[in-house]
Amino acid sequence: MYLRQTHDRVFESNRAWAAEQTAKDPEFFAKLAAGQNPEYLWIGCSDSRIPAEQITGLAPGDAFVHRNIANLVCNTDLNAMSVIDYAVTHLEVKHIVVCGHYGCGGVKAAMTAKDLGILNPWLRNIRDVYRLHEKELNAIKGEDERYNRLVELNVIEQCRNVIKTATVQQSYAKNKFPIVHGWVFGFHDGLLKDLNIDFEGVLHDIQKIYNLTD
């Protein structure tokens, strides 16, 4: 009974939303059905508290969205690689945002010396981020501060992983887009923090080893 009531609430909200959109713009759904031309690819965490469109004010059609645990971009993850390729090659997005969040359970789990079963190979990517930045992180005295910094460093490393892809490198060489950004969402105030990724600088450094434009 409880589940049925929950579903009823969802469908009622859906009908109200559809009616509201139609009242504001009678052609809204005709335009939506005609195709998508998003400006952003959003790569975020699967955490249920961070819906991309709601926290940014973006409308349907503005963002192509991919989410997974701890907003990782792994070159062996065909899901993420396919999303990036489609967004860049076919949708021609102008910006790619990797958005993490403070209080990320995936990052917290990766900081824990514990066997987590099927999650081990996934979380190892975050542990690798810790290994790369071990000196900086171990110099931070407070555990919460260290945790928050690892969240930020994880976003930065995932941005680097996006930039390493042939799709992004080749599109930027040809079109001067997309630009890659790293952001972090804070639950305490609901605000996004821009980590100010130096896209061209990172691209230049990466291409010393990972150049895929030739």
C-alpha atoms as a PDB file:
ATOM      1  CA  MET A   1       0.000   0.000   0.000  1.00  0.00           C
ATOM      2  CA  TYR A   2       2.790   2.391   0.898  1.00  0.00           C
ATOM      3  CA  LEU A   3       4.588   1.785  -2.396  1.00  0.00           C
ATOM      4  CA  ARG A   4       1.381   2.364  -4.333  1.00  0.00           C
ATOM      5  CA  GLN A   5       0.835   5.679  -2.565  1.00  0.00           C
ATOM      6  CA  THR A   6       4.413   6.701  -3.382  1.00  0.00           C
ATOM      7  CA  HIS A   7       3.896   5.952  -7.070  1.00  0.00           C
ATOM      8  CA  ASP A   8       0.613   7.846  -7.092  1.00  0.00           C
ATOM      9  CA  ARG A   9       2.410  10.887  -5.733  1.00  0.00           C
ATOM     10  CA  VAL A  10       5.004  10.687  -8.497  1.00  0.00           C
ATOM     11  CA  PHE A  11       2.413  10.474 -11.280  1.00  0.00           C
ATOM     12  CA  GLU A  12       0.368  13.289  -9.764  1.00  0.00           C
ATOM     13  CA  SER A  13       3.462  15.469  -9.659  1.00  0.00           C
ATOM     14  CA  ASN A  14       4.253  14.537 -13.249  1.00  0.00           C
ATOM     15  CA  ARG A  15       0.793  15.580 -14.430  1.00  0.00           C
ATOM     16  CA  ALA A  16       1.069  18.854 -12.552  1.00  0.00           C
ATOM     17  CA  TRP A  17       4.498  19.534 -14.059  1.00  0.00           C
ATOM     18  CA  ALA A  18       3.321  18.731 -17.604  1.00  0.00           C
ATOM     19  CA  ALA A  19       0.298  21.012 -17.182  1.00  0.00           C
ATOM     20  CA  GLU A  20       2.488  23.815 -15.840  1.00  0.00           C
ATOM     21  CA  GLN A  21       4.902  23.588 -18.782  1.00  0.00           C
ATOM     22  CA  THR A  22       2.064  23.586 -21.293  1.00  0.00           C
ATOM     23  CA  ALA A  23       0.452  26.594 -19.622  1.00  0.00           C
ATOM     24  CA  LYS A  24       3.709  28.542 -19.838  1.00  0.00           C
ATOM     25  CA  ASP A  25       4.493  27.437 -23.385  1.00  0.00           C
ATOM     26  CA  PRO A  26       1.948  25.470 -25.467  1.00  0.00           C
ATOM     27  CA  GLU A  27       4.789  24.382 -27.795  1.00  0.00           C
ATOM     28  CA  PHE A  28       7.036  23.158 -24.975  1.00  0.00           C
ATOM     29  CA  PHE A  29       6.663  19.433 -25.607  1.00  0.00           C
ATOM     30  CA  ALA A  30       6.690  19.805 -29.387  1.00  0.00           C
ATOM     31  CA  LYS A  31      10.066  21.533 -29.071  1.00  0.00           C
ATOM     32  CA  LEU A  32      11.276  18.876 -26.625  1.00  0.00           C
ATOM     33  CA  ALA A  33      10.299  16.091 -28.998  1.00  0.00           C
ATOM     34  CA  ALA A  34      12.058  17.752 -31.937  1.00  0.00           C
ATOM     35  CA  GLY A  35      15.518  16.930 -30.558  1.00  0.00           C
ATOM     36  CA  GLN A  36      18.168  18.012 -28.103  1.00  0.00           C
ATOM     37  CA  ASN A  37      20.944  20.556 -28.348  1.00  0.00           C
ATOM     38  CA  PRO A  38      22.460  20.709 -24.853  1.00  0.00           C
ATOM     39  CA  GLU A  39      25.270  23.113 -24.029  1.00  0.00           C
ATOM     40  CA  TYR A  40      26.566  21.007 -21.154  1.00  0.00           C
ATOM     41  CA  LEU A  41      27.633  17.451 -20.476  1.00  0.00           C
ATOM     42  CA  TRP A  42      27.217  16.969 -16.730  1.00  0.00           C
ATOM     43  CA  ILE A  43      29.176  14.128 -15.098  1.00  0.00           C
ATOM     44  CA  GLY A  44      28.028  13.888 -11.504  1.00  0.00           C
ATOM     45  CA  CYS A  45      27.623  11.573  -8.549  1.00  0.00           C
ATOM     46  CA  SER A  46      24.629   9.243  -8.335  1.00  0.00           C
ATOM     47  CA  ASP A  47      23.784  10.686  -4.901  1.00  0.00           C
ATOM     48  CA  SER A  48      20.020  11.254  -4.862  1.00  0.00           C
ATOM     49  CA  ARG A  49      20.377  14.675  -3.244  1.00  0.00           C
ATOM     50  CA  ILE A  50      22.097  16.355  -6.189  1.00  0.00           C
ATOM     51  CA  PRO A  51      19.817  16.611  -9.244  1.00  0.00           C
ATOM     52  CA  ALA A  52      21.814  18.531 -11.842  1.00  0.00           C
ATOM     53  CA  GLU A  53      18.983  20.576 -13.330  1.00  0.00           C
ATOM     54  CA  GLN A  54      17.485  21.630 -10.003  1.00  0.00           C
ATOM     55  CA  ILE A  55      20.697  22.862  -8.400  1.00  0.00           C
ATOM     56  CA  THR A  56      21.770  24.771 -11.526  1.00  0.00           C
ATOM     57  CA  GLY A  57      18.435  26.078 -12.797  1.00  0.00           C
ATOM     58  CA  LEU A  58      18.977  24.356 -16.135  1.00  0.00           C
ATOM     59  CA  ALA A  59      15.902  23.421 -18.149  1.00  0.00           C
ATOM     60  CA  PRO A  60      15.129  20.118 -19.890  1.00  0.00           C
ATOM     61  CA  GLY A  61      17.371  19.928 -22.941  1.00  0.00           C
ATOM     62  CA  ASP A  62      20.161  22.085 -21.464  1.00  0.00           C
ATOM     63  CA  ALA A  63      22.326  19.268 -20.078  1.00  0.00           C
ATOM     64  CA  PHE A  64      23.248  15.759 -21.156  1.00  0.00           C
ATOM     65  CA  VAL A  65      23.715  13.920 -17.849  1.00  0.00           C
ATOM     66  CA  HIS A  66      25.855  10.991 -16.737  1.00  0.00           C
ATOM     67  CA  ARG A  67      26.027   9.958 -13.088  1.00  0.00           C
ATOM     68  CA  ASN A  68      27.827   7.236 -11.166  1.00  0.00           C
ATOM     69  CA  ILE A  69      29.246   6.611  -7.705  1.00  0.00           C
ATOM     70  CA  ALA A  70      31.742   9.399  -6.899  1.00  0.00           C
ATOM     71  CA  ASN A  71      31.560  10.959 -10.396  1.00  0.00           C
ATOM     72  CA  LEU A  72      34.378   8.861 -11.824  1.00  0.00           C
ATOM     73  CA  VAL A  73      35.642   8.913 -15.408  1.00  0.00           C
ATOM     74  CA  CYS A  74      37.459   5.634 -16.047  1.00  0.00           C
ATOM     75  CA  ASN A  75      38.873   4.804 -19.444  1.00  0.00           C
ATOM     76  CA  THR A  76      37.712   1.193 -19.040  1.00  0.00           C
ATOM     77  CA  ASP A  77      34.127   2.265 -18.324  1.00  0.00           C
ATOM     78  CA  LEU A  78      32.397   1.963 -21.700  1.00  0.00           C
ATOM     79  CA  ASN A  79      29.317   3.674 -20.290  1.00  0.00           C
ATOM     80  CA  ALA A  80      31.193   6.872 -19.418  1.00  0.00           C
ATOM     81  CA  MET A  81      33.330   6.744 -22.571  1.00  0.00           C
ATOM     82  CA  SER A  82      30.225   6.318 -24.753  1.00  0.00           C
ATOM     83  CA  VAL A  83      28.478   9.237 -23.050  1.00  0.00           C
ATOM     84  CA  ILE A  84      31.474  11.513 -23.585  1.00  0.00           C
ATOM     85  CA  ASP A  85      31.853  10.459 -27.215  1.00  0.00           C
ATOM     86  CA  TYR A  86      28.165  10.951 -27.994  1.00  0.00           C
ATOM     87  CA  ALA A  87      27.967  14.287 -26.174  1.00  0.00           C
ATOM     88  CA  VAL A  88      31.047  15.709 -27.876  1.00  0.00           C
ATOM     89  CA  THR A  89      30.848  14.160 -31.342  1.00  0.00           C
ATOM     90  CA  HIS A  90      27.104  14.164 -31.983  1.00  0.00           C
ATOM     91  CA  LEU A  91      25.606  16.735 -29.606  1.00  0.00           C
ATOM     92  CA  GLU A  92      28.618  19.065 -29.821  1.00  0.00           C
ATOM     93  CA  VAL A  93      28.379  20.190 -26.202  1.00  0.00           C
ATOM     94  CA  LYS A  94      30.397  23.293 -25.442  1.00  0.00           C
ATOM     95  CA  HIS A  95      31.184  22.515 -21.811  1.00  0.00           C
ATOM     96  CA  ILE A  96      31.832  19.341 -19.806  1.00  0.00           C
ATOM     97  CA  VAL A  97      31.304  19.665 -16.066  1.00  0.00           C
ATOM     98  CA  VAL A  98      32.591  17.087 -13.602  1.00  0.00           C
ATOM     99  CA  CYS A  99      30.678  17.817 -10.397  1.00  0.00           C
ATOM    100  CA  GLY A 100      31.513  16.180  -7.087  1.00  0.00           C
ATOM    101  CA  HIS A 101      30.110  16.989  -3.673  1.00  0.00           C
ATOM    102  CA  TYR A 102      31.331  17.345  -0.151  1.00  0.00           C
ATOM    103  CA  GLY A 103      30.116  14.490   2.032  1.00  0.00           C
ATOM    104  CA  CYS A 104      30.519  11.972  -0.807  1.00  0.00           C
ATOM    105  CA  GLY A 105      30.024   8.447   0.497  1.00  0.00           C
ATOM    106  CA  GLY A 106      32.138   6.945  -2.266  1.00  0.00           C
ATOM    107  CA  VAL A 107      35.120   9.135  -1.403  1.00  0.00           C
ATOM    108  CA  LYS A 108      34.625   8.419   2.301  1.00  0.00           C
ATOM    109  CA  ALA A 109      34.540   4.663   1.641  1.00  0.00           C
ATOM    110  CA  ALA A 110      37.751   4.902  -0.371  1.00  0.00           C
ATOM    111  CA  MET A 111      39.451   6.472   2.662  1.00  0.00           C
ATOM    112  CA  THR A 112      38.518   3.453   4.773  1.00  0.00           C
ATOM    113  CA  ALA A 113      40.889   0.484   5.061  1.00  0.00           C
ATOM    114  CA  LYS A 114      38.161  -2.095   4.558  1.00  0.00           C
ATOM    115  CA  ASP A 115      37.252  -4.775   2.042  1.00  0.00           C
ATOM    116  CA  LEU A 116      34.075  -3.510   0.366  1.00  0.00           C
ATOM    117  CA  GLY A 117      33.505  -6.421  -2.004  1.00  0.00           C
ATOM    118  CA  ILE A 118      32.254  -5.531  -5.467  1.00  0.00           C
ATOM    119  CA  LEU A 119      32.933  -1.859  -4.762  1.00  0.00           C
ATOM    120  CA  ASN A 120      36.695  -2.471  -4.417  1.00  0.00           C
ATOM    121  CA  PRO A 121      37.671  -2.097  -8.105  1.00  0.00           C
ATOM    122  CA  TRP A 122      35.514   1.014  -8.487  1.00  0.00           C
ATOM    123  CA  LEU A 123      36.724   2.729  -5.335  1.00  0.00           C
ATOM    124  CA  ARG A 124      40.324   1.893  -6.174  1.00  0.00           C
ATOM    125  CA  ASN A 125      40.168   4.760  -8.657  1.00  0.00           C
ATOM    126  CA  ILE A 126      39.644   7.151  -5.745  1.00  0.00           C
ATOM    127  CA  ARG A 127      42.342   5.431  -3.708  1.00  0.00           C
ATOM    128  CA  ASP A 128      44.642   6.019  -6.667  1.00  0.00           C
ATOM    129  CA  VAL A 129      43.801   9.727  -6.427  1.00  0.00           C
ATOM    130  CA  TYR A 130      44.811   9.601  -2.762  1.00  0.00           C
ATOM    131  CA  ARG A 131      48.076   7.872  -3.716  1.00  0.00           C
ATOM    132  CA  LEU A 132      48.856  10.557  -6.305  1.00  0.00           C
ATOM    133  CA  HIS A 133      48.289  13.333  -3.753  1.00  0.00           C
ATOM    134  CA  GLU A 134      49.324  11.482  -0.598  1.00  0.00           C
ATOM    135  CA  LYS A 135      51.866  14.066   0.528  1.00  0.00           C
ATOM    136  CA  GLU A 136      49.397  16.957   0.324  1.00  0.00           C
ATOM    137  CA  LEU A 137      46.568  15.013   1.947  1.00  0.00           C
ATOM    138  CA  ASN A 138      48.640  13.607   4.800  1.00  0.00           C
ATOM    139  CA  ALA A 139      49.823  17.123   5.627  1.00  0.00           C
ATOM    140  CA  ILE A 140      46.220  18.136   6.384  1.00  0.00           C
ATOM    141  CA  LYS A 141      45.611  17.673  10.104  1.00  0.00           C
ATOM    142  CA  GLY A 142      41.825  17.481  10.342  1.00  0.00           C
ATOM    143  CA  GLU A 143      40.069  14.394   8.979  1.00  0.00           C
ATOM    144  CA  ASP A 144      37.100  16.404   7.679  1.00  0.00           C
ATOM    145  CA  GLU A 145      39.398  18.849   5.899  1.00  0.00           C
ATOM    146  CA  ARG A 146      41.375  15.970   4.399  1.00  0.00           C
ATOM    147  CA  TYR A 147      38.128  14.347   3.280  1.00  0.00           C
ATOM    148  CA  ASN A 148      36.919  17.568   1.625  1.00  0.00           C
ATOM    149  CA  ARG A 149      40.230  18.044  -0.144  1.00  0.00           C
ATOM    150  CA  LEU A 150      40.129  14.492  -1.500  1.00  0.00           C
ATOM    151  CA  VAL A 151      36.660  15.256  -2.892  1.00  0.00           C
ATOM    152  CA  GLU A 152      38.165  18.237  -4.737  1.00  0.00           C
ATOM    153  CA  LEU A 153      41.234  16.332  -5.919  1.00  0.00           C
ATOM    154  CA  ASN A 154      39.023  13.522  -7.175  1.00  0.00           C
ATOM    155  CA  VAL A 155      37.068  16.014  -9.290  1.00  0.00           C
ATOM    156  CA  ILE A 156      40.318  17.467 -10.648  1.00  0.00           C
ATOM    157  CA  GLU A 157      41.648  14.021 -11.570  1.00  0.00           C
ATOM    158  CA  GLN A 158      38.374  13.067 -13.274  1.00  0.00           C
ATOM    159  CA  CYS A 159      38.605  16.297 -15.292  1.00  0.00           C
ATOM    160  CA  ARG A 160      42.073  15.184 -16.364  1.00  0.00           C
ATOM    161  CA  ASN A 161      40.635  11.816 -17.364  1.00  0.00           C
ATOM    162  CA  VAL A 162      38.035  13.563 -19.525  1.00  0.00           C
ATOM    163  CA  ILE A 163      40.756  15.653 -21.168  1.00  0.00           C
ATOM    164  CA  LYS A 164      42.817  12.523 -21.877  1.00  0.00           C
ATOM    165  CA  THR A 165      40.129  11.176 -24.216  1.00  0.00           C
ATOM    166  CA  ALA A 166      40.685  11.363 -27.965  1.00  0.00           C
ATOM    167  CA  THR A 167      37.166  12.682 -28.468  1.00  0.00           C
ATOM    168  CA  VAL A 168      37.742  15.784 -26.343  1.00  0.00           C
ATOM    169  CA  GLN A 169      41.270  16.451 -27.603  1.00  0.00           C
ATOM    170  CA  GLN A 170      40.316  16.165 -31.257  1.00  0.00           C
ATOM    171  CA  SER A 171      37.162  18.246 -30.914  1.00  0.00           C
ATOM    172  CA  TYR A 172      39.025  21.015 -29.113  1.00  0.00           C
ATOM    173  CA  ALA A 173      41.798  21.033 -31.738  1.00  0.00           C
ATOM    174  CA  LYS A 174      39.169  21.412 -34.463  1.00  0.00           C
ATOM    175  CA  ASN A 175      36.433  23.505 -32.818  1.00  0.00           C
ATOM    176  CA  LYS A 176      37.941  25.049 -29.658  1.00  0.00           C
ATOM    177  CA  PHE A 177      35.304  23.237 -27.608  1.00  0.00           C
ATOM    178  CA  PRO A 178      34.380  21.592 -25.305  1.00  0.00           C
ATOM    179  CA  ILE A 179      35.930  23.233 -22.250  1.00  0.00           C
ATOM    180  CA  VAL A 180      36.204  21.021 -19.144  1.00  0.00           C
ATOM    181  CA  HIS A 181      35.226  22.361 -15.707  1.00  0.00           C
ATOM    182  CA  GLY A 182      35.459  20.967 -12.175  1.00  0.00           C
ATOM    183  CA  TRP A 183      32.811  21.925  -9.630  1.00  0.00           C
ATOM    184  CA  VAL A 184      31.889  20.769  -6.116  1.00  0.00           C
ATOM    185  CA  PHE A 185      28.449  21.018  -4.497  1.00  0.00           C
ATOM    186  CA  GLY A 186      28.104  21.789  -0.789  1.00  0.00           C
ATOM    187  CA  PHE A 187      25.173  20.482   1.226  1.00  0.00           C
ATOM    188  CA  HIS A 188      25.682  23.041   3.979  1.00  0.00           C
ATOM    189  CA  ASP A 189      24.731  25.991   1.767  1.00  0.00           C
ATOM    190  CA  GLY A 190      23.538  24.486  -1.533  1.00  0.00           C
ATOM    191  CA  LEU A 191      26.222  26.318  -3.493  1.00  0.00           C
ATOM    192  CA  LEU A 192      28.548  25.142  -6.235  1.00  0.00           C
ATOM    193  CA  LYS A 193      32.274  25.789  -5.895  1.00  0.00           C
ATOM    194  CA  ASP A 194      34.262  26.282  -9.104  1.00  0.00           C
ATOM    195  CA  LEU A 195      37.688  24.660  -8.782  1.00  0.00           C
ATOM    196  CA  ASN A 196      38.857  26.875 -11.669  1.00  0.00           C
ATOM    197  CA  ILE A 197      40.411  24.170 -13.792  1.00  0.00           C
ATOM    198  CA  ASP A 198      42.984  25.695 -16.165  1.00  0.00           C
ATOM    199  CA  PHE A 199      41.678  23.712 -19.129  1.00  0.00           C
ATOM    200  CA  GLU A 200      44.243  24.795 -21.704  1.00  0.00           C
ATOM    201  CA  GLY A 201      47.089  24.414 -19.209  1.00  0.00           C
ATOM    202  CA  VAL A 202      45.977  20.914 -18.202  1.00  0.00           C
ATOM    203  CA  LEU A 203      45.451  19.969 -21.849  1.00  0.00           C
ATOM    204  CA  HIS A 204      48.980  21.147 -22.703  1.00  0.00           C
ATOM    205  CA  ASP A 205      50.517  19.133 -19.848  1.00  0.00           C
ATOM    206  CA  ILE A 206      48.472  16.034 -20.639  1.00  0.00           C
ATOM    207  CA  GLN A 207      49.385  16.072 -24.295  1.00  0.00           C
ATOM    208  CA  LYS A 208      53.070  15.656 -23.454  1.00  0.00           C
ATOM    209  CA  ILE A 209      52.137  12.010 -22.903  1.00  0.00           C
ATOM    210  CA  TYR A 210      48.491  11.544 -23.909  1.00  0.00           C
ATOM    211  CA  ASN A 211      48.374  13.475 -27.192  1.00  0.00           C
ATOM    212  CA  LEU A 212      45.727  11.850 -29.395  1.00  0.00           C
ATOM    213  CA  THR A 213      45.235  14.652 -31.924  1.00  0.00           C
ATOM    214  CA  ASP A 214      47.649  13.398 -34.585  1.00  0.00           C
END
